[in-house]
């Protein structure tokens, strides 16, 4: 009974905490992280890999 009561009381609070704090964290920090770091990473690393993958796909066909 104690564990069930604890679960039922934790879920609304933790869920609301996740949906508010984590969502705002994702939309601000992760978006800025993606647009800066990931764009640089894509531009320098993934572009040649993407070209190689396209060439490989063409050869396989």
PDB file of N, CA and C in Angstrom:
ATOM      1  N   UNK A   1       0.837  -1.203   0.000  1.00  0.00           N
ATOM      2  CA  UNK A   1       0.000   0.000   0.000  1.00  0.00           C
ATOM      3  C   UNK A   1       0.873   1.256   0.000  1.00  0.00           C
ATOM      4  N   UNK A   2       1.928   1.224   0.786  1.00  0.00           N
ATOM      5  CA  UNK A   2       2.771   2.416   0.880  1.00  0.00           C
ATOM      6  C   UNK A   2       3.425   2.735  -0.470  1.00  0.00           C
ATOM      7  N   UNK A   3       3.900   1.689  -1.153  1.00  0.00           N
ATOM      8  CA  UNK A   3       4.553   1.915  -2.440  1.00  0.00           C
ATOM      9  C   UNK A   3       3.552   2.432  -3.473  1.00  0.00           C
ATOM     10  N   UNK A   4       2.332   1.906  -3.449  1.00  0.00           N
ATOM     11  CA  UNK A   4       1.305   2.350  -4.392  1.00  0.00           C
ATOM     12  C   UNK A   4       0.953   3.806  -4.132  1.00  0.00           C
ATOM     13  N   UNK A   5       0.814   4.168  -2.864  1.00  0.00           N
ATOM     14  CA  UNK A   5       0.492   5.555  -2.518  1.00  0.00           C
ATOM     15  C   UNK A   5       1.640   6.480  -2.937  1.00  0.00           C
ATOM     16  N   UNK A   6       2.849   6.018  -2.714  1.00  0.00           N
ATOM     17  CA  UNK A   6       4.012   6.824  -3.068  1.00  0.00           C
ATOM     18  C   UNK A   6       4.072   7.011  -4.582  1.00  0.00           C
ATOM     19  N   UNK A   7       3.813   5.938  -5.319  1.00  0.00           N
ATOM     20  CA  UNK A   7       3.810   6.028  -6.777  1.00  0.00           C
ATOM     21  C   UNK A   7       2.761   7.024  -7.259  1.00  0.00           C
ATOM     22  N   UNK A   8       1.549   6.908  -6.724  1.00  0.00           N
ATOM     23  CA  UNK A   8       0.466   7.773  -7.188  1.00  0.00           C
ATOM     24  C   UNK A   8       0.738   9.235  -6.840  1.00  0.00           C
ATOM     25  N   UNK A   9       1.405   9.477  -5.725  1.00  0.00           N
ATOM     26  CA  UNK A   9       1.679  10.862  -5.344  1.00  0.00           C
ATOM     27  C   UNK A   9       2.873  11.422  -6.114  1.00  0.00           C
ATOM     28  N   UNK A  10       3.823  10.573  -6.475  1.00  0.00           N
ATOM     29  CA  UNK A  10       5.007  11.046  -7.192  1.00  0.00           C
ATOM     30  C   UNK A  10       4.719  11.356  -8.653  1.00  0.00           C
ATOM     31  N   UNK A  11       3.898  10.558  -9.283  1.00  0.00           N
ATOM     32  CA  UNK A  11       3.722  10.691 -10.729  1.00  0.00           C
ATOM     33  C   UNK A  11       3.218  12.061 -11.168  1.00  0.00           C
ATOM     34  N   UNK A  12       2.189  12.637 -10.568  1.00  0.00           N
ATOM     35  CA  UNK A  12       1.742  13.950 -11.061  1.00  0.00           C
ATOM     36  C   UNK A  12       2.812  15.024 -10.909  1.00  0.00           C
ATOM     37  N   UNK A  13       3.504  15.012  -9.769  1.00  0.00           N
ATOM     38  CA  UNK A  13       4.499  16.054  -9.512  1.00  0.00           C
ATOM     39  C   UNK A  13       5.698  15.872 -10.437  1.00  0.00           C
ATOM     40  N   UNK A  14       6.186  14.643 -10.529  1.00  0.00           N
ATOM     41  CA  UNK A  14       7.359  14.398 -11.365  1.00  0.00           C
ATOM     42  C   UNK A  14       7.025  14.623 -12.834  1.00  0.00           C
ATOM     43  N   UNK A  15       5.836  14.208 -13.261  1.00  0.00           N
ATOM     44  CA  UNK A  15       5.444  14.413 -14.654  1.00  0.00           C
ATOM     45  C   UNK A  15       5.373  15.897 -14.985  1.00  0.00           C
ATOM     46  N   UNK A  16       4.741  16.680 -14.116  1.00  0.00           N
ATOM     47  CA  UNK A  16       4.653  18.116 -14.369  1.00  0.00           C
ATOM     48  C   UNK A  16       6.042  18.751 -14.344  1.00  0.00           C
ATOM     49  N   UNK A  17       6.904  18.236 -13.464  1.00  0.00           N
ATOM     50  CA  UNK A  17       8.273  18.738 -13.402  1.00  0.00           C
ATOM     51  C   UNK A  17       8.999  18.445 -14.710  1.00  0.00           C
ATOM     52  N   UNK A  18       8.859  17.210 -15.198  1.00  0.00           N
ATOM     53  CA  UNK A  18       9.518  16.845 -16.450  1.00  0.00           C
ATOM     54  C   UNK A  18       8.989  17.665 -17.614  1.00  0.00           C
ATOM     55  N   UNK A  19       7.676  17.787 -17.716  1.00  0.00           N
ATOM     56  CA  UNK A  19       7.092  18.451 -18.877  1.00  0.00           C
ATOM     57  C   UNK A  19       7.418  19.935 -18.916  1.00  0.00           C
ATOM     58  N   UNK A  20       7.585  20.564 -17.772  1.00  0.00           N
ATOM     59  CA  UNK A  20       7.866  22.001 -17.771  1.00  0.00           C
ATOM     60  C   UNK A  20       9.361  22.278 -17.852  1.00  0.00           C
ATOM     61  N   UNK A  21      10.119  21.715 -16.907  1.00  0.00           N
ATOM     62  CA  UNK A  21      11.541  22.036 -16.832  1.00  0.00           C
ATOM     63  C   UNK A  21      12.301  21.406 -17.991  1.00  0.00           C
ATOM     64  N   UNK A  22      12.063  20.124 -18.234  1.00  0.00           N
ATOM     65  CA  UNK A  22      12.819  19.428 -19.269  1.00  0.00           C
ATOM     66  C   UNK A  22      12.457  19.948 -20.658  1.00  0.00           C
ATOM     67  N   UNK A  23      11.175  20.267 -20.882  1.00  0.00           N
ATOM     68  CA  UNK A  23      10.786  20.801 -22.182  1.00  0.00           C
ATOM     69  C   UNK A  23      11.452  22.147 -22.436  1.00  0.00           C
ATOM     70  N   UNK A  24      11.433  23.023 -21.449  1.00  0.00           N
ATOM     71  CA  UNK A  24      12.084  24.320 -21.625  1.00  0.00           C
ATOM     72  C   UNK A  24      13.589  24.141 -21.775  1.00  0.00           C
ATOM     73  N   UNK A  25      14.144  23.158 -21.050  1.00  0.00           N
ATOM     74  CA  UNK A  25      15.574  22.865 -21.167  1.00  0.00           C
ATOM     75  C   UNK A  25      15.890  22.381 -22.576  1.00  0.00           C
ATOM     76  N   UNK A  26      15.073  21.463 -23.095  1.00  0.00           N
ATOM     77  CA  UNK A  26      15.309  20.943 -24.439  1.00  0.00           C
ATOM     78  C   UNK A  26      15.186  22.039 -25.487  1.00  0.00           C
ATOM     79  N   UNK A  27      14.122  22.820 -25.421  1.00  0.00           N
ATOM     80  CA  UNK A  27      13.857  23.793 -26.478  1.00  0.00           C
ATOM     81  C   UNK A  27      14.892  24.912 -26.507  1.00  0.00           C
ATOM     82  N   UNK A  28      15.473  25.250 -25.370  1.00  0.00           N
ATOM     83  CA  UNK A  28      16.445  26.345 -25.354  1.00  0.00           C
ATOM     84  C   UNK A  28      17.866  25.828 -25.517  1.00  0.00           C
ATOM     85  N   UNK A  29      18.291  24.958 -24.602  1.00  0.00           N
ATOM     86  CA  UNK A  29      19.688  24.527 -24.596  1.00  0.00           C
ATOM     87  C   UNK A  29      19.982  23.605 -25.771  1.00  0.00           C
ATOM     88  N   UNK A  30      19.125  22.611 -25.975  1.00  0.00           N
ATOM     89  CA  UNK A  30      19.392  21.622 -27.016  1.00  0.00           C
ATOM     90  C   UNK A  30      19.284  22.248 -28.403  1.00  0.00           C
ATOM     91  N   UNK A  31      18.330  23.163 -28.587  1.00  0.00           N
ATOM     92  CA  UNK A  31      18.200  23.819 -29.889  1.00  0.00           C
ATOM     93  C   UNK A  31      19.443  24.640 -30.203  1.00  0.00           C
ATOM     94  N   UNK A  32      19.911  25.416 -29.244  1.00  0.00           N
ATOM     95  CA  UNK A  32      21.118  26.203 -29.472  1.00  0.00           C
ATOM     96  C   UNK A  32      22.323  25.286 -29.659  1.00  0.00           C
ATOM     97  N   UNK A  33      22.337  24.174 -28.910  1.00  0.00           N
ATOM     98  CA  UNK A  33      23.422  23.202 -29.050  1.00  0.00           C
ATOM     99  C   UNK A  33      23.401  22.591 -30.446  1.00  0.00           C
ATOM    100  N   UNK A  34      22.210  22.208 -30.911  1.00  0.00           N
ATOM    101  CA  UNK A  34      22.097  21.602 -32.234  1.00  0.00           C
ATOM    102  C   UNK A  34      22.508  22.584 -33.327  1.00  0.00           C
ATOM    103  N   UNK A  35      22.001  23.798 -33.261  1.00  0.00           N
ATOM    104  CA  UNK A  35      22.232  24.742 -34.351  1.00  0.00           C
ATOM    105  C   UNK A  35      23.693  25.165 -34.445  1.00  0.00           C
ATOM    106  N   UNK A  36      24.418  25.140 -33.346  1.00  0.00           N
ATOM    107  CA  UNK A  36      25.812  25.566 -33.399  1.00  0.00           C
ATOM    108  C   UNK A  36      26.755  24.379 -33.561  1.00  0.00           C
ATOM    109  N   UNK A  37      26.736  23.469 -32.591  1.00  0.00           N
ATOM    110  CA  UNK A  37      27.712  22.381 -32.578  1.00  0.00           C
ATOM    111  C   UNK A  37      27.421  21.374 -33.686  1.00  0.00           C
ATOM    112  N   UNK A  38      26.159  20.967 -33.789  1.00  0.00           N
ATOM    113  CA  UNK A  38      25.812  19.920 -34.747  1.00  0.00           C
ATOM    114  C   UNK A  38      25.977  20.419 -36.178  1.00  0.00           C
ATOM    115  N   UNK A  39      25.656  21.682 -36.432  1.00  0.00           N
ATOM    116  CA  UNK A  39      25.841  22.223 -37.779  1.00  0.00           C
ATOM    117  C   UNK A  39      27.317  22.215 -38.158  1.00  0.00           C
ATOM    118  N   UNK A  40      28.178  22.601 -37.226  1.00  0.00           N
ATOM    119  CA  UNK A  40      29.613  22.561 -37.492  1.00  0.00           C
ATOM    120  C   UNK A  40      30.075  21.130 -37.722  1.00  0.00           C
ATOM    121  N   UNK A  41      29.541  20.215 -36.897  1.00  0.00           N
ATOM    122  CA  UNK A  41      29.912  18.806 -37.030  1.00  0.00           C
ATOM    123  C   UNK A  41      29.450  18.257 -38.374  1.00  0.00           C
ATOM    124  N   UNK A  42      28.211  18.598 -38.753  1.00  0.00           N
ATOM    125  CA  UNK A  42      27.685  18.133 -40.039  1.00  0.00           C
ATOM    126  C   UNK A  42      28.493  18.709 -41.191  1.00  0.00           C
ATOM    127  N   UNK A  43      28.795  19.985 -41.099  1.00  0.00           N
ATOM    128  CA  UNK A  43      29.523  20.628 -42.189  1.00  0.00           C
ATOM    129  C   UNK A  43      30.911  20.054 -42.385  1.00  0.00           C
ATOM    130  N   UNK A  44      31.577  19.655 -41.303  1.00  0.00           N
ATOM    131  CA  UNK A  44      32.964  19.219 -41.405  1.00  0.00           C
ATOM    132  C   UNK A  44      33.104  17.709 -41.555  1.00  0.00           C
ATOM    133  N   UNK A  45      32.189  16.940 -40.972  1.00  0.00           N
ATOM    134  CA  UNK A  45      32.369  15.492 -40.913  1.00  0.00           C
ATOM    135  C   UNK A  45      31.362  14.726 -41.747  1.00  0.00           C
ATOM    136  N   UNK A  46      30.077  15.067 -41.604  1.00  0.00           N
ATOM    137  CA  UNK A  46      29.027  14.254 -42.211  1.00  0.00           C
ATOM    138  C   UNK A  46      28.912  14.520 -43.710  1.00  0.00           C
ATOM    139  N   UNK A  47      29.278  15.702 -44.167  1.00  0.00           N
ATOM    140  CA  UNK A  47      29.159  16.006 -45.596  1.00  0.00           C
ATOM    141  C   UNK A  47      29.984  15.046 -46.455  1.00  0.00           C
ATOM    142  N   UNK A  48      31.274  14.834 -46.156  1.00  0.00           N
ATOM    143  CA  UNK A  48      32.035  13.853 -46.933  1.00  0.00           C
ATOM    144  C   UNK A  48      31.480  12.444 -46.775  1.00  0.00           C
ATOM    145  N   UNK A  49      31.052  12.105 -45.557  1.00  0.00           N
ATOM    146  CA  UNK A  49      30.469  10.785 -45.340  1.00  0.00           C
ATOM    147  C   UNK A  49      29.196  10.629 -46.148  1.00  0.00           C
ATOM    148  N   UNK A  50      28.400  11.686 -46.199  1.00  0.00           N
ATOM    149  CA  UNK A  50      27.154  11.644 -46.960  1.00  0.00           C
ATOM    150  C   UNK A  50      27.462  11.468 -48.451  1.00  0.00           C
ATOM    151  N   UNK A  51      28.488  12.135 -48.934  1.00  0.00           N
ATOM    152  CA  UNK A  51      28.887  11.985 -50.334  1.00  0.00           C
ATOM    153  C   UNK A  51      29.361  10.561 -50.594  1.00  0.00           C
ATOM    154  N   UNK A  52      30.152  10.008 -49.680  1.00  0.00           N
ATOM    155  CA  UNK A  52      30.621   8.635 -49.821  1.00  0.00           C
ATOM    156  C   UNK A  52      29.455   7.662 -49.790  1.00  0.00           C
ATOM    157  N   UNK A  53      28.489   7.912 -48.913  1.00  0.00           N
ATOM    158  CA  UNK A  53      27.320   7.042 -48.824  1.00  0.00           C
ATOM    159  C   UNK A  53      26.521   7.091 -50.116  1.00  0.00           C
ATOM    160  N   UNK A  54      26.392   8.280 -50.700  1.00  0.00           N
ATOM    161  CA  UNK A  54      25.666   8.408 -51.965  1.00  0.00           C
ATOM    162  C   UNK A  54      26.400   7.660 -53.070  1.00  0.00           C
ATOM    163  N   UNK A  55      27.719   7.774 -53.087  1.00  0.00           N
ATOM    164  CA  UNK A  55      28.512   7.063 -54.094  1.00  0.00           C
ATOM    165  C   UNK A  55      28.389   5.562 -53.902  1.00  0.00           C
ATOM    166  N   UNK A  56      28.480   5.117 -52.656  1.00  0.00           N
ATOM    167  CA  UNK A  56      28.356   3.691 -52.353  1.00  0.00           C
ATOM    168  C   UNK A  56      26.981   3.176 -52.744  1.00  0.00           C
ATOM    169  N   UNK A  57      25.944   3.955 -52.443  1.00  0.00           N
ATOM    170  CA  UNK A  57      24.583   3.547 -52.808  1.00  0.00           C
ATOM    171  C   UNK A  57      24.453   3.442 -54.324  1.00  0.00           C
ATOM    172  N   UNK A  58      25.077   4.368 -55.047  1.00  0.00           N
ATOM    173  CA  UNK A  58      25.035   4.318 -56.506  1.00  0.00           C
ATOM    174  C   UNK A  58      25.767   3.091 -57.039  1.00  0.00           C
ATOM    175  N   UNK A  59      26.898   2.735 -56.410  1.00  0.00           N
ATOM    176  CA  UNK A  59      27.654   1.568 -56.852  1.00  0.00           C
ATOM    177  C   UNK A  59      26.908   0.283 -56.545  1.00  0.00           C
ATOM    178  N   UNK A  60      26.239   0.249 -55.387  1.00  0.00           N
ATOM    179  CA  UNK A  60      25.500  -0.955 -55.001  1.00  0.00           C
ATOM    180  C   UNK A  60      24.346  -1.194 -55.953  1.00  0.00           C
ATOM    181  N   UNK A  61      23.662  -0.117 -56.344  1.00  0.00           N
ATOM    182  CA  UNK A  61      22.564  -0.275 -57.286  1.00  0.00           C
ATOM    183  C   UNK A  61      23.109  -0.742 -58.625  1.00  0.00           C
TER     184      UNK A  61
END
